[in-house]
mmCIF file of all heavy atoms, coordinates in Angstrom:
data_MODEL
# 
_entry.id   MODEL 
# 
loop_
_atom_site.group_PDB 
_atom_site.id 
_atom_site.type_symbol 
_atom_site.label_atom_id 
_atom_site.label_alt_id 
_atom_site.label_comp_id 
_atom_site.label_asym_id 
_atom_site.label_entity_id 
_atom_site.label_seq_id 
_atom_site.pdbx_PDB_ins_code 
_atom_site.Cartn_x 
_atom_site.Cartn_y 
_atom_site.Cartn_z 
_atom_site.occupancy 
_atom_site.B_iso_or_equiv 
_atom_site.pdbx_formal_charge 
_atom_site.auth_seq_id 
_atom_site.auth_comp_id 
_atom_site.auth_asym_id 
_atom_site.auth_atom_id 
_atom_site.pdbx_PDB_model_num 
ATOM 1   N N   . LYS A 1 1  ? 31.838 19.388 -20.753 1.00 0.00 ? 1  LYS A N   1 
ATOM 2   C CA  . LYS A 1 1  ? 30.727 18.783 -20.009 1.00 0.00 ? 1  LYS A CA  1 
ATOM 3   C C   . LYS A 1 1  ? 31.067 17.334 -19.742 1.00 0.00 ? 1  LYS A C   1 
ATOM 4   O O   . LYS A 1 1  ? 31.467 16.603 -20.656 1.00 0.00 ? 1  LYS A O   1 
ATOM 5   C CB  . LYS A 1 1  ? 29.419 18.877 -20.806 1.00 0.00 ? 1  LYS A CB  1 
ATOM 6   C CG  . LYS A 1 1  ? 28.238 18.163 -20.148 1.00 0.00 ? 1  LYS A CG  1 
ATOM 7   C CD  . LYS A 1 1  ? 27.008 18.188 -21.038 1.00 0.00 ? 1  LYS A CD  1 
ATOM 8   C CE  . LYS A 1 1  ? 25.866 17.387 -20.429 1.00 0.00 ? 1  LYS A CE  1 
ATOM 9   N NZ  . LYS A 1 1  ? 24.672 17.346 -21.309 1.00 0.00 ? 1  LYS A NZ  1 
ATOM 10  N N   . ASN A 1 2  ? 30.893 16.905 -18.497 1.00 0.00 ? 2  ASN A N   1 
ATOM 11  C CA  . ASN A 1 2  ? 31.156 15.516 -18.121 1.00 0.00 ? 2  ASN A CA  1 
ATOM 12  C C   . ASN A 1 2  ? 29.844 14.879 -17.679 1.00 0.00 ? 2  ASN A C   1 
ATOM 13  O O   . ASN A 1 2  ? 29.486 14.903 -16.500 1.00 0.00 ? 2  ASN A O   1 
ATOM 14  C CB  . ASN A 1 2  ? 32.201 15.447 -17.000 1.00 0.00 ? 2  ASN A CB  1 
ATOM 15  C CG  . ASN A 1 2  ? 32.621 14.011 -16.717 1.00 0.00 ? 2  ASN A CG  1 
ATOM 16  O OD1 . ASN A 1 2  ? 32.321 13.111 -17.485 1.00 0.00 ? 2  ASN A OD1 1 
ATOM 17  N ND2 . ASN A 1 2  ? 33.312 13.817 -15.609 1.00 0.00 ? 2  ASN A ND2 1 
ATOM 18  N N   . GLY A 1 3  ? 29.119 14.335 -18.656 1.00 0.00 ? 3  GLY A N   1 
ATOM 19  C CA  . GLY A 1 3  ? 27.842 13.703 -18.357 1.00 0.00 ? 3  GLY A CA  1 
ATOM 20  C C   . GLY A 1 3  ? 27.945 12.195 -18.395 1.00 0.00 ? 3  GLY A C   1 
ATOM 21  O O   . GLY A 1 3  ? 28.945 11.641 -18.871 1.00 0.00 ? 3  GLY A O   1 
ATOM 22  N N   . ASN A 1 4  ? 26.912 11.524 -17.910 1.00 0.00 ? 4  ASN A N   1 
ATOM 23  C CA  . ASN A 1 4  ? 26.921 10.059 -17.909 1.00 0.00 ? 4  ASN A CA  1 
ATOM 24  C C   . ASN A 1 4  ? 26.767 9.491  -19.312 1.00 0.00 ? 4  ASN A C   1 
ATOM 25  O O   . ASN A 1 4  ? 27.481 8.571  -19.703 1.00 0.00 ? 4  ASN A O   1 
ATOM 26  C CB  . ASN A 1 4  ? 25.801 9.533  -17.007 1.00 0.00 ? 4  ASN A CB  1 
ATOM 27  C CG  . ASN A 1 4  ? 26.046 9.848  -15.540 1.00 0.00 ? 4  ASN A CG  1 
ATOM 28  O OD1 . ASN A 1 4  ? 27.185 9.852  -15.098 1.00 0.00 ? 4  ASN A OD1 1 
ATOM 29  N ND2 . ASN A 1 4  ? 24.978 10.136 -14.796 1.00 0.00 ? 4  ASN A ND2 1 
ATOM 30  N N   . THR A 1 5  ? 25.831 10.041 -20.064 1.00 0.00 ? 5  THR A N   1 
ATOM 31  C CA  . THR A 1 5  ? 25.570 9.512  -21.406 1.00 0.00 ? 5  THR A CA  1 
ATOM 32  C C   . THR A 1 5  ? 26.264 10.308 -22.497 1.00 0.00 ? 5  THR A C   1 
ATOM 33  O O   . THR A 1 5  ? 26.325 9.870  -23.640 1.00 0.00 ? 5  THR A O   1 
ATOM 34  C CB  . THR A 1 5  ? 24.052 9.499  -21.696 1.00 0.00 ? 5  THR A CB  1 
ATOM 35  O OG1 . THR A 1 5  ? 23.544 10.837 -21.625 1.00 0.00 ? 5  THR A OG1 1 
ATOM 36  C CG2 . THR A 1 5  ? 23.320 8.634  -20.682 1.00 0.00 ? 5  THR A CG2 1 
ATOM 37  N N   . CYS A 1 6  ? 26.799 11.474 -22.134 1.00 0.00 ? 6  CYS A N   1 
ATOM 38  C CA  . CYS A 1 6  ? 27.430 12.319 -23.149 1.00 0.00 ? 6  CYS A CA  1 
ATOM 39  C C   . CYS A 1 6  ? 28.554 13.144 -22.525 1.00 0.00 ? 6  CYS A C   1 
ATOM 40  O O   . CYS A 1 6  ? 28.362 13.788 -21.498 1.00 0.00 ? 6  CYS A O   1 
ATOM 41  C CB  . CYS A 1 6  ? 26.380 13.242 -23.759 1.00 0.00 ? 6  CYS A CB  1 
ATOM 42  S SG  . CYS A 1 6  ? 26.966 14.161 -25.167 1.00 0.00 ? 6  CYS A SG  1 
ATOM 43  N N   . THR A 1 7  ? 29.728 13.096 -23.146 1.00 0.00 ? 7  THR A N   1 
ATOM 44  C CA  . THR A 1 7  ? 30.872 13.884 -22.699 1.00 0.00 ? 7  THR A CA  1 
ATOM 45  C C   . THR A 1 7  ? 31.272 14.834 -23.824 1.00 0.00 ? 7  THR A C   1 
ATOM 46  O O   . THR A 1 7  ? 31.391 14.409 -24.972 1.00 0.00 ? 7  THR A O   1 
ATOM 47  C CB  . THR A 1 7  ? 32.066 12.972 -22.340 1.00 0.00 ? 7  THR A CB  1 
ATOM 48  O OG1 . THR A 1 7  ? 31.606 11.873 -21.552 1.00 0.00 ? 7  THR A OG1 1 
ATOM 49  C CG2 . THR A 1 7  ? 33.096 13.736 -21.542 1.00 0.00 ? 7  THR A CG2 1 
ATOM 50  N N   . VAL A 1 8  ? 31.466 16.107 -23.493 1.00 0.00 ? 8  VAL A N   1 
ATOM 51  C CA  . VAL A 1 8  ? 31.734 17.122 -24.516 1.00 0.00 ? 8  VAL A CA  1 
ATOM 52  C C   . VAL A 1 8  ? 33.122 17.730 -24.288 1.00 0.00 ? 8  VAL A C   1 
ATOM 53  O O   . VAL A 1 8  ? 33.457 18.109 -23.172 1.00 0.00 ? 8  VAL A O   1 
ATOM 54  C CB  . VAL A 1 8  ? 30.662 18.234 -24.499 1.00 0.00 ? 8  VAL A CB  1 
ATOM 55  C CG1 . VAL A 1 8  ? 30.892 19.214 -25.650 1.00 0.00 ? 8  VAL A CG1 1 
ATOM 56  C CG2 . VAL A 1 8  ? 29.267 17.639 -24.580 1.00 0.00 ? 8  VAL A CG2 1 
ATOM 57  N N   . TYR A 1 9  ? 33.903 17.804 -25.370 1.00 0.00 ? 9  TYR A N   1 
ATOM 58  C CA  . TYR A 1 9  ? 35.276 18.320 -25.305 1.00 0.00 ? 9  TYR A CA  1 
ATOM 59  C C   . TYR A 1 9  ? 35.472 19.413 -26.355 1.00 0.00 ? 9  TYR A C   1 
ATOM 60  O O   . TYR A 1 9  ? 34.766 19.472 -27.367 1.00 0.00 ? 9  TYR A O   1 
ATOM 61  C CB  . TYR A 1 9  ? 36.290 17.216 -25.589 1.00 0.00 ? 9  TYR A CB  1 
ATOM 62  C CG  . TYR A 1 9  ? 36.307 16.067 -24.620 1.00 0.00 ? 9  TYR A CG  1 
ATOM 63  C CD1 . TYR A 1 9  ? 35.456 14.976 -24.803 1.00 0.00 ? 9  TYR A CD1 1 
ATOM 64  C CD2 . TYR A 1 9  ? 37.190 16.046 -23.543 1.00 0.00 ? 9  TYR A CD2 1 
ATOM 65  C CE1 . TYR A 1 9  ? 35.487 13.896 -23.917 1.00 0.00 ? 9  TYR A CE1 1 
ATOM 66  C CE2 . TYR A 1 9  ? 37.226 14.973 -22.664 1.00 0.00 ? 9  TYR A CE2 1 
ATOM 67  C CZ  . TYR A 1 9  ? 36.366 13.901 -22.848 1.00 0.00 ? 9  TYR A CZ  1 
ATOM 68  O OH  . TYR A 1 9  ? 36.394 12.843 -21.983 1.00 0.00 ? 9  TYR A OH  1 
ATOM 69  N N   . GLN A 1 10 ? 36.484 20.235 -26.109 1.00 0.00 ? 10 GLN A N   1 
ATOM 70  C CA  . GLN A 1 10 ? 36.980 21.159 -27.133 1.00 0.00 ? 10 GLN A CA  1 
ATOM 71  C C   . GLN A 1 10 ? 38.394 20.737 -27.491 1.00 0.00 ? 10 GLN A C   1 
ATOM 72  O O   . GLN A 1 10 ? 39.233 20.539 -26.615 1.00 0.00 ? 10 GLN A O   1 
ATOM 73  C CB  . GLN A 1 10 ? 36.989 22.596 -26.618 1.00 0.00 ? 10 GLN A CB  1 
ATOM 74  C CG  . GLN A 1 10 ? 37.563 23.597 -27.619 1.00 0.00 ? 10 GLN A CG  1 
ATOM 75  C CD  . GLN A 1 10 ? 37.648 24.998 -27.047 1.00 0.00 ? 10 GLN A CD  1 
ATOM 76  O OE1 . GLN A 1 10 ? 36.883 25.367 -26.164 1.00 0.00 ? 10 GLN A OE1 1 
ATOM 77  N NE2 . GLN A 1 10 ? 38.595 25.777 -27.560 1.00 0.00 ? 10 GLN A NE2 1 
ATOM 78  N N   . VAL A 1 11 ? 38.647 20.568 -28.790 1.00 0.00 ? 11 VAL A N   1 
ATOM 79  C CA  . VAL A 1 11 ? 39.977 20.175 -29.255 1.00 0.00 ? 11 VAL A CA  1 
ATOM 80  C C   . VAL A 1 11 ? 40.378 21.077 -30.426 1.00 0.00 ? 11 VAL A C   1 
ATOM 81  O O   . VAL A 1 11 ? 39.544 21.784 -30.997 1.00 0.00 ? 11 VAL A O   1 
ATOM 82  C CB  . VAL A 1 11 ? 40.021 18.698 -29.715 1.00 0.00 ? 11 VAL A CB  1 
ATOM 83  C CG1 . VAL A 1 11 ? 39.644 17.760 -28.578 1.00 0.00 ? 11 VAL A CG1 1 
ATOM 84  C CG2 . VAL A 1 11 ? 39.121 18.472 -30.923 1.00 0.00 ? 11 VAL A CG2 1 
ATOM 85  N N   . GLN A 1 12 ? 41.638 21.030 -30.775 1.00 0.00 ? 12 GLN A N   1 
ATOM 86  C CA  . GLN A 1 12 ? 42.153 21.766 -31.926 1.00 0.00 ? 12 GLN A CA  1 
ATOM 87  C C   . GLN A 1 12 ? 42.373 20.786 -33.078 1.00 0.00 ? 12 GLN A C   1 
ATOM 88  O O   . GLN A 1 12 ? 43.090 19.799 -32.923 1.00 0.00 ? 12 GLN A O   1 
ATOM 89  C CB  . GLN A 1 12 ? 43.473 22.453 -31.590 1.00 0.00 ? 12 GLN A CB  1 
ATOM 90  C CG  . GLN A 1 12 ? 43.350 23.597 -30.593 1.00 0.00 ? 12 GLN A CG  1 
ATOM 91  C CD  . GLN A 1 12 ? 42.695 24.824 -31.174 1.00 0.00 ? 12 GLN A CD  1 
ATOM 92  O OE1 . GLN A 1 12 ? 41.687 25.290 -30.653 1.00 0.00 ? 12 GLN A OE1 1 
ATOM 93  N NE2 . GLN A 1 12 ? 43.242 25.347 -32.247 1.00 0.00 ? 12 GLN A NE2 1 
ATOM 94  N N   . ILE A 1 13 ? 41.748 21.046 -34.199 1.00 0.00 ? 13 ILE A N   1 
ATOM 95  C CA  . ILE A 1 13 ? 41.965 20.273 -35.418 1.00 0.00 ? 13 ILE A CA  1 
ATOM 96  C C   . ILE A 1 13 ? 42.267 21.259 -36.534 1.00 0.00 ? 13 ILE A C   1 
ATOM 97  O O   . ILE A 1 13 ? 41.449 22.143 -36.812 1.00 0.00 ? 13 ILE A O   1 
ATOM 98  C CB  . ILE A 1 13 ? 40.739 19.406 -35.781 1.00 0.00 ? 13 ILE A CB  1 
ATOM 99  C CG1 . ILE A 1 13 ? 40.438 18.401 -34.659 1.00 0.00 ? 13 ILE A CG1 1 
ATOM 100 C CG2 . ILE A 1 13 ? 40.970 18.667 -37.098 1.00 0.00 ? 13 ILE A CG2 1 
ATOM 101 C CD1 . ILE A 1 13 ? 39.208 17.546 -34.909 1.00 0.00 ? 13 ILE A CD1 1 
ATOM 102 N N   . ASN A 1 14 ? 43.434 21.133 -37.145 1.00 0.00 ? 14 ASN A N   1 
ATOM 103 C CA  . ASN A 1 14 ? 43.875 22.114 -38.146 1.00 0.00 ? 14 ASN A CA  1 
ATOM 104 C C   . ASN A 1 14 ? 43.902 23.529 -37.574 1.00 0.00 ? 14 ASN A C   1 
ATOM 105 O O   . ASN A 1 14 ? 43.493 24.497 -38.244 1.00 0.00 ? 14 ASN A O   1 
ATOM 106 C CB  . ASN A 1 14 ? 42.968 22.073 -39.386 1.00 0.00 ? 14 ASN A CB  1 
ATOM 107 C CG  . ASN A 1 14 ? 43.187 20.834 -40.222 1.00 0.00 ? 14 ASN A CG  1 
ATOM 108 O OD1 . ASN A 1 14 ? 44.301 20.324 -40.320 1.00 0.00 ? 14 ASN A OD1 1 
ATOM 109 N ND2 . ASN A 1 14 ? 42.123 20.334 -40.825 1.00 0.00 ? 14 ASN A ND2 1 
ATOM 110 N N   . ASP A 1 15 ? 44.362 23.647 -36.327 1.00 0.00 ? 15 ASP A N   1 
ATOM 111 C CA  . ASP A 1 15 ? 44.462 24.945 -35.652 1.00 0.00 ? 15 ASP A CA  1 
ATOM 112 C C   . ASP A 1 15 ? 43.121 25.649 -35.512 1.00 0.00 ? 15 ASP A C   1 
ATOM 113 O O   . ASP A 1 15 ? 43.059 26.872 -35.379 1.00 0.00 ? 15 ASP A O   1 
ATOM 114 C CB  . ASP A 1 15 ? 45.448 25.867 -36.392 1.00 0.00 ? 15 ASP A CB  1 
ATOM 115 C CG  . ASP A 1 15 ? 46.858 25.308 -36.389 1.00 0.00 ? 15 ASP A CG  1 
ATOM 116 O OD1 . ASP A 1 15 ? 47.258 24.702 -35.380 1.00 0.00 ? 15 ASP A OD1 1 
ATOM 117 O OD2 . ASP A 1 15 ? 47.558 25.473 -37.419 1.00 0.00 ? 15 ASP A OD2 1 
ATOM 118 N N   . GLU A 1 16 ? 42.039 24.873 -35.562 1.00 0.00 ? 16 GLU A N   1 
ATOM 119 C CA  . GLU A 1 16 ? 40.696 25.433 -35.414 1.00 0.00 ? 16 GLU A CA  1 
ATOM 120 C C   . GLU A 1 16 ? 40.010 24.732 -34.247 1.00 0.00 ? 16 GLU A C   1 
ATOM 121 O O   . GLU A 1 16 ? 40.062 23.509 -34.135 1.00 0.00 ? 16 GLU A O   1 
ATOM 122 C CB  . GLU A 1 16 ? 39.882 25.229 -36.692 1.00 0.00 ? 16 GLU A CB  1 
ATOM 123 C CG  . GLU A 1 16 ? 38.488 25.813 -36.611 1.00 0.00 ? 16 GLU A CG  1 
ATOM 124 C CD  . GLU A 1 16 ? 37.674 25.590 -37.880 1.00 0.00 ? 16 GLU A CD  1 
ATOM 125 O OE1 . GLU A 1 16 ? 38.234 25.074 -38.865 1.00 0.00 ? 16 GLU A OE1 1 
ATOM 126 O OE2 . GLU A 1 16 ? 36.486 25.925 -37.875 1.00 0.00 ? 16 GLU A OE2 1 
ATOM 127 N N   . PRO A 1 17 ? 39.369 25.503 -33.351 1.00 0.00 ? 17 PRO A N   1 
ATOM 128 C CA  . PRO A 1 17 ? 38.671 24.854 -32.233 1.00 0.00 ? 17 PRO A CA  1 
ATOM 129 C C   . PRO A 1 17 ? 37.449 24.079 -32.726 1.00 0.00 ? 17 PRO A C   1 
ATOM 130 O O   . PRO A 1 17 ? 36.636 24.597 -33.490 1.00 0.00 ? 17 PRO A O   1 
ATOM 131 C CB  . PRO A 1 17 ? 38.258 26.031 -31.340 1.00 0.00 ? 17 PRO A CB  1 
ATOM 132 C CG  . PRO A 1 17 ? 38.201 27.209 -32.261 1.00 0.00 ? 17 PRO A CG  1 
ATOM 133 C CD  . PRO A 1 17 ? 39.240 26.973 -33.313 1.00 0.00 ? 17 PRO A CD  1 
ATOM 134 N N   . MET A 1 18 ? 37.349 22.842 -32.299 1.00 0.00 ? 18 MET A N   1 
ATOM 135 C CA  . MET A 1 18 ? 36.218 21.988 -32.634 1.00 0.00 ? 18 MET A CA  1 
ATOM 136 C C   . MET A 1 18 ? 35.602 21.444 -31.351 1.00 0.00 ? 18 MET A C   1 
ATOM 137 O O   . MET A 1 18 ? 36.288 21.273 -30.342 1.00 0.00 ? 18 MET A O   1 
ATOM 138 C CB  . MET A 1 18 ? 36.659 20.811 -33.514 1.00 0.00 ? 18 MET A CB  1 
ATOM 139 C CG  . MET A 1 18 ? 37.211 21.202 -34.870 1.00 0.00 ? 18 MET A CG  1 
ATOM 140 S SD  . MET A 1 18 ? 35.910 21.616 -36.047 1.00 0.00 ? 18 MET A SD  1 
ATOM 141 C CE  . MET A 1 18 ? 36.908 21.888 -37.536 1.00 0.00 ? 18 MET A CE  1 
ATOM 142 N N   . VAL A 1 19 ? 34.325 21.156 -31.403 1.00 0.00 ? 19 VAL A N   1 
ATOM 143 C CA  . VAL A 1 19 ? 33.628 20.536 -30.280 1.00 0.00 ? 19 VAL A CA  1 
ATOM 144 C C   . VAL A 1 19 ? 33.408 19.062 -30.599 1.00 0.00 ? 19 VAL A C   1 
ATOM 145 O O   . VAL A 1 19 ? 32.913 18.717 -31.679 1.00 0.00 ? 19 VAL A O   1 
ATOM 146 C CB  . VAL A 1 19 ? 32.281 21.230 -30.005 1.00 0.00 ? 19 VAL A CB  1 
ATOM 147 C CG1 . VAL A 1 19 ? 31.464 20.436 -28.982 1.00 0.00 ? 19 VAL A CG1 1 
ATOM 148 C CG2 . VAL A 1 19 ? 32.511 22.637 -29.494 1.00 0.00 ? 19 VAL A CG2 1 
ATOM 149 N N   . ILE A 1 20 ? 33.805 18.204 -29.673 1.00 0.00 ? 20 ILE A N   1 
ATOM 150 C CA  . ILE A 1 20 ? 33.603 16.766 -29.822 1.00 0.00 ? 20 ILE A CA  1 
ATOM 151 C C   . ILE A 1 20 ? 32.557 16.334 -28.802 1.00 0.00 ? 20 ILE A C   1 
ATOM 152 O O   . ILE A 1 20 ? 32.733 16.528 -27.593 1.00 0.00 ? 20 ILE A O   1 
ATOM 153 C CB  . ILE A 1 20 ? 34.902 15.963 -29.578 1.00 0.00 ? 20 ILE A CB  1 
ATOM 154 C CG1 . ILE A 1 20 ? 36.079 16.588 -30.335 1.00 0.00 ? 20 ILE A CG1 1 
ATOM 155 C CG2 . ILE A 1 20 ? 34.695 14.502 -29.943 1.00 0.00 ? 20 ILE A CG2 1 
ATOM 156 C CD1 . ILE A 1 20 ? 35.929 16.626 -31.832 1.00 0.00 ? 20 ILE A CD1 1 
ATOM 157 N N   . LYS A 1 21 ? 31.484 15.770 -29.287 1.00 0.00 ? 21 LYS A N   1 
ATOM 158 C CA  . LYS A 1 21 ? 30.447 15.257 -28.405 1.00 0.00 ? 21 LYS A CA  1 
ATOM 159 C C   . LYS A 1 21 ? 30.509 13.737 -28.459 1.00 0.00 ? 21 LYS A C   1 
ATOM 160 O O   . LYS A 1 21 ? 30.209 13.136 -29.501 1.00 0.00 ? 21 LYS A O   1 
ATOM 161 C CB  . LYS A 1 21 ? 29.087 15.773 -28.865 1.00 0.00 ? 21 LYS A CB  1 
ATOM 162 C CG  . LYS A 1 21 ? 27.986 15.645 -27.820 1.00 0.00 ? 21 LYS A CG  1 
ATOM 163 C CD  . LYS A 1 21 ? 26.733 16.385 -28.268 1.00 0.00 ? 21 LYS A CD  1 
ATOM 164 C CE  . LYS A 1 21 ? 25.675 16.372 -27.173 1.00 0.00 ? 21 LYS A CE  1 
ATOM 165 N NZ  . LYS A 1 21 ? 24.446 17.096 -27.575 1.00 0.00 ? 21 LYS A NZ  1 
ATOM 166 N N   . ARG A 1 22 ? 30.956 13.136 -27.363 1.00 0.00 ? 22 ARG A N   1 
ATOM 167 C CA  . ARG A 1 22 ? 31.072 11.673 -27.320 1.00 0.00 ? 22 ARG A CA  1 
ATOM 168 C C   . ARG A 1 22 ? 29.836 11.094 -26.629 1.00 0.00 ? 22 ARG A C   1 
ATOM 169 O O   . ARG A 1 22 ? 29.563 11.378 -25.464 1.00 0.00 ? 22 ARG A O   1 
ATOM 170 C CB  . ARG A 1 22 ? 32.333 11.250 -26.571 1.00 0.00 ? 22 ARG A CB  1 
ATOM 171 C CG  . ARG A 1 22 ? 32.534 9.730  -26.555 1.00 0.00 ? 22 ARG A CG  1 
ATOM 172 C CD  . ARG A 1 22 ? 33.853 9.351  -25.926 1.00 0.00 ? 22 ARG A CD  1 
ATOM 173 N NE  . ARG A 1 22 ? 33.874 9.687  -24.502 1.00 0.00 ? 22 ARG A NE  1 
ATOM 174 C CZ  . ARG A 1 22 ? 34.989 9.666  -23.761 1.00 0.00 ? 22 ARG A CZ  1 
ATOM 175 N NH1 . ARG A 1 22 ? 36.154 9.378  -24.308 1.00 0.00 ? 22 ARG A NH1 1 
ATOM 176 N NH2 . ARG A 1 22 ? 34.933 9.964  -22.473 1.00 0.00 ? 22 ARG A NH2 1 
ATOM 177 N N   . TYR A 1 23 ? 29.106 10.290 -27.389 1.00 0.00 ? 23 TYR A N   1 
ATOM 178 C CA  . TYR A 1 23 ? 27.911 9.639  -26.854 1.00 0.00 ? 23 TYR A CA  1 
ATOM 179 C C   . TYR A 1 23 ? 28.335 8.300  -26.257 1.00 0.00 ? 23 TYR A C   1 
ATOM 180 O O   . TYR A 1 23 ? 28.742 7.386  -26.969 1.00 0.00 ? 23 TYR A O   1 
ATOM 181 C CB  . TYR A 1 23 ? 26.878 9.427  -27.958 1.00 0.00 ? 23 TYR A CB  1 
ATOM 182 C CG  . TYR A 1 23 ? 26.307 10.718 -28.511 1.00 0.00 ? 23 TYR A CG  1 
ATOM 183 C CD1 . TYR A 1 23 ? 26.998 11.446 -29.487 1.00 0.00 ? 23 TYR A CD1 1 
ATOM 184 C CD2 . TYR A 1 23 ? 25.092 11.221 -28.072 1.00 0.00 ? 23 TYR A CD2 1 
ATOM 185 C CE1 . TYR A 1 23 ? 26.482 12.628 -29.999 1.00 0.00 ? 23 TYR A CE1 1 
ATOM 186 C CE2 . TYR A 1 23 ? 24.570 12.396 -28.577 1.00 0.00 ? 23 TYR A CE2 1 
ATOM 187 C CZ  . TYR A 1 23 ? 25.269 13.095 -29.540 1.00 0.00 ? 23 TYR A CZ  1 
ATOM 188 O OH  . TYR A 1 23 ? 24.749 14.261 -30.047 1.00 0.00 ? 23 TYR A OH  1 
ATOM 189 N N   . ASN A 1 24 ? 28.235 8.188  -24.938 1.00 0.00 ? 24 ASN A N   1 
ATOM 190 C CA  . ASN A 1 24 ? 28.671 6.985  -24.242 1.00 0.00 ? 24 ASN A CA  1 
ATOM 191 C C   . ASN A 1 24 ? 27.554 5.935  -24.214 1.00 0.00 ? 24 ASN A C   1 
ATOM 192 O O   . ASN A 1 24 ? 26.365 6.286  -24.294 1.00 0.00 ? 24 ASN A O   1 
ATOM 193 C CB  . ASN A 1 24 ? 29.078 7.335  -22.805 1.00 0.00 ? 24 ASN A CB  1 
ATOM 194 C CG  . ASN A 1 24 ? 30.145 8.413  -22.771 1.00 0.00 ? 24 ASN A CG  1 
ATOM 195 O OD1 . ASN A 1 24 ? 31.105 8.365  -23.537 1.00 0.00 ? 24 ASN A OD1 1 
ATOM 196 N ND2 . ASN A 1 24 ? 29.992 9.395  -21.891 1.00 0.00 ? 24 ASN A ND2 1 
ATOM 197 N N   . PRO A 1 25 ? 27.916 4.661  -24.096 1.00 0.00 ? 25 PRO A N   1 
ATOM 198 C CA  . PRO A 1 25 ? 26.882 3.605  -24.063 1.00 0.00 ? 25 PRO A CA  1 
ATOM 199 C C   . PRO A 1 25 ? 25.950 3.799  -22.866 1.00 0.00 ? 25 PRO A C   1 
ATOM 200 O O   . PRO A 1 25 ? 26.397 4.089  -21.751 1.00 0.00 ? 25 PRO A O   1 
ATOM 201 C CB  . PRO A 1 25 ? 27.701 2.318  -23.910 1.00 0.00 ? 25 PRO A CB  1 
ATOM 202 C CG  . PRO A 1 25 ? 29.083 2.668  -24.331 1.00 0.00 ? 25 PRO A CG  1 
ATOM 203 C CD  . PRO A 1 25 ? 29.274 4.111  -23.996 1.00 0.00 ? 25 PRO A CD  1 
ATOM 204 N N   . ARG A 1 26 ? 24.671 3.655  -23.122 1.00 0.00 ? 26 ARG A N   1 
ATOM 205 C CA  . ARG A 1 26 ? 23.699 3.734  -22.035 1.00 0.00 ? 26 ARG A CA  1 
ATOM 206 C C   . ARG A 1 26 ? 23.463 2.339  -21.472 1.00 0.00 ? 26 ARG A C   1 
ATOM 207 O O   . ARG A 1 26 ? 23.590 1.339  -22.178 1.00 0.00 ? 26 ARG A O   1 
ATOM 208 C CB  . ARG A 1 26 ? 22.394 4.355  -22.527 1.00 0.00 ? 26 ARG A CB  1 
ATOM 209 C CG  . ARG A 1 26 ? 22.565 5.797  -22.972 1.00 0.00 ? 26 ARG A CG  1 
ATOM 210 C CD  . ARG A 1 26 ? 21.251 6.524  -23.084 1.00 0.00 ? 26 ARG A CD  1 
ATOM 211 N NE  . ARG A 1 26 ? 20.492 6.156  -24.275 1.00 0.00 ? 26 ARG A NE  1 
ATOM 212 C CZ  . ARG A 1 26 ? 19.341 6.715  -24.641 1.00 0.00 ? 26 ARG A CZ  1 
ATOM 213 N NH1 . ARG A 1 26 ? 18.817 7.670  -23.878 1.00 0.00 ? 26 ARG A NH1 1 
ATOM 214 N NH2 . ARG A 1 26 ? 18.717 6.332  -25.731 1.00 0.00 ? 26 ARG A NH2 1 
ATOM 215 N N   . LYS A 1 27 ? 23.095 2.291  -20.232 1.00 0.00 ? 27 LYS A N   1 
ATOM 216 C CA  . LYS A 1 27 ? 22.932 1.014  -19.570 1.00 0.00 ? 27 LYS A CA  1 
ATOM 217 C C   . LYS A 1 27 ? 21.575 0.393  -19.882 1.00 0.00 ? 27 LYS A C   1 
ATOM 218 O O   . LYS A 1 27 ? 20.623 1.086  -20.216 1.00 0.00 ? 27 LYS A O   1 
ATOM 219 C CB  . LYS A 1 27 ? 23.078 1.181  -18.051 1.00 0.00 ? 27 LYS A CB  1 
ATOM 220 C CG  . LYS A 1 27 ? 24.460 1.639  -17.608 1.00 0.00 ? 27 LYS A CG  1 
ATOM 221 C CD  . LYS A 1 27 ? 24.528 1.803  -16.102 1.00 0.00 ? 27 LYS A CD  1 
ATOM 222 C CE  . LYS A 1 27 ? 25.917 2.264  -15.668 1.00 0.00 ? 27 LYS A CE  1 
ATOM 223 N NZ  . LYS A 1 27 ? 26.002 2.447  -14.189 1.00 0.00 ? 27 LYS A NZ  1 
ATOM 224 N N   . GLY A 1 28 ? 21.524 -0.937 -19.750 1.00 0.00 ? 28 GLY A N   1 
ATOM 225 C CA  . GLY A 1 28 ? 20.266 -1.663 -19.841 1.00 0.00 ? 28 GLY A CA  1 
ATOM 226 C C   . GLY A 1 28 ? 19.652 -1.668 -21.225 1.00 0.00 ? 28 GLY A C   1 
ATOM 227 O O   . GLY A 1 28 ? 20.345 -1.632 -22.247 1.00 0.00 ? 28 GLY A O   1 
ATOM 228 N N   . LEU A 1 29 ? 18.323 -1.671 -21.258 1.00 0.00 ? 29 LEU A N   1 
ATOM 229 C CA  . LEU A 1 29 ? 17.575 -1.800 -22.514 1.00 0.00 ? 29 LEU A CA  1 
ATOM 230 C C   . LEU A 1 29 ? 17.809 -0.614 -23.448 1.00 0.00 ? 29 LEU A C   1 
ATOM 231 O O   . LEU A 1 29 ? 17.892 -0.789 -24.661 1.00 0.00 ? 29 LEU A O   1 
ATOM 232 C CB  . LEU A 1 29 ? 16.080 -1.941 -22.205 1.00 0.00 ? 29 LEU A CB  1 
ATOM 233 C CG  . LEU A 1 29 ? 15.143 -2.134 -23.407 1.00 0.00 ? 29 LEU A CG  1 
ATOM 234 C CD1 . LEU A 1 29 ? 15.525 -3.394 -24.184 1.00 0.00 ? 29 LEU A CD1 1 
ATOM 235 C CD2 . LEU A 1 29 ? 13.690 -2.192 -22.957 1.00 0.00 ? 29 LEU A CD2 1 
# 
């Protein structure tokens, strides 16, 4: 998922699929 405030990836860690949810900085207040 490629969102403005959140980007979601699937990666391999220890040969196991993991989901990484990156919370991006929101603008303004």
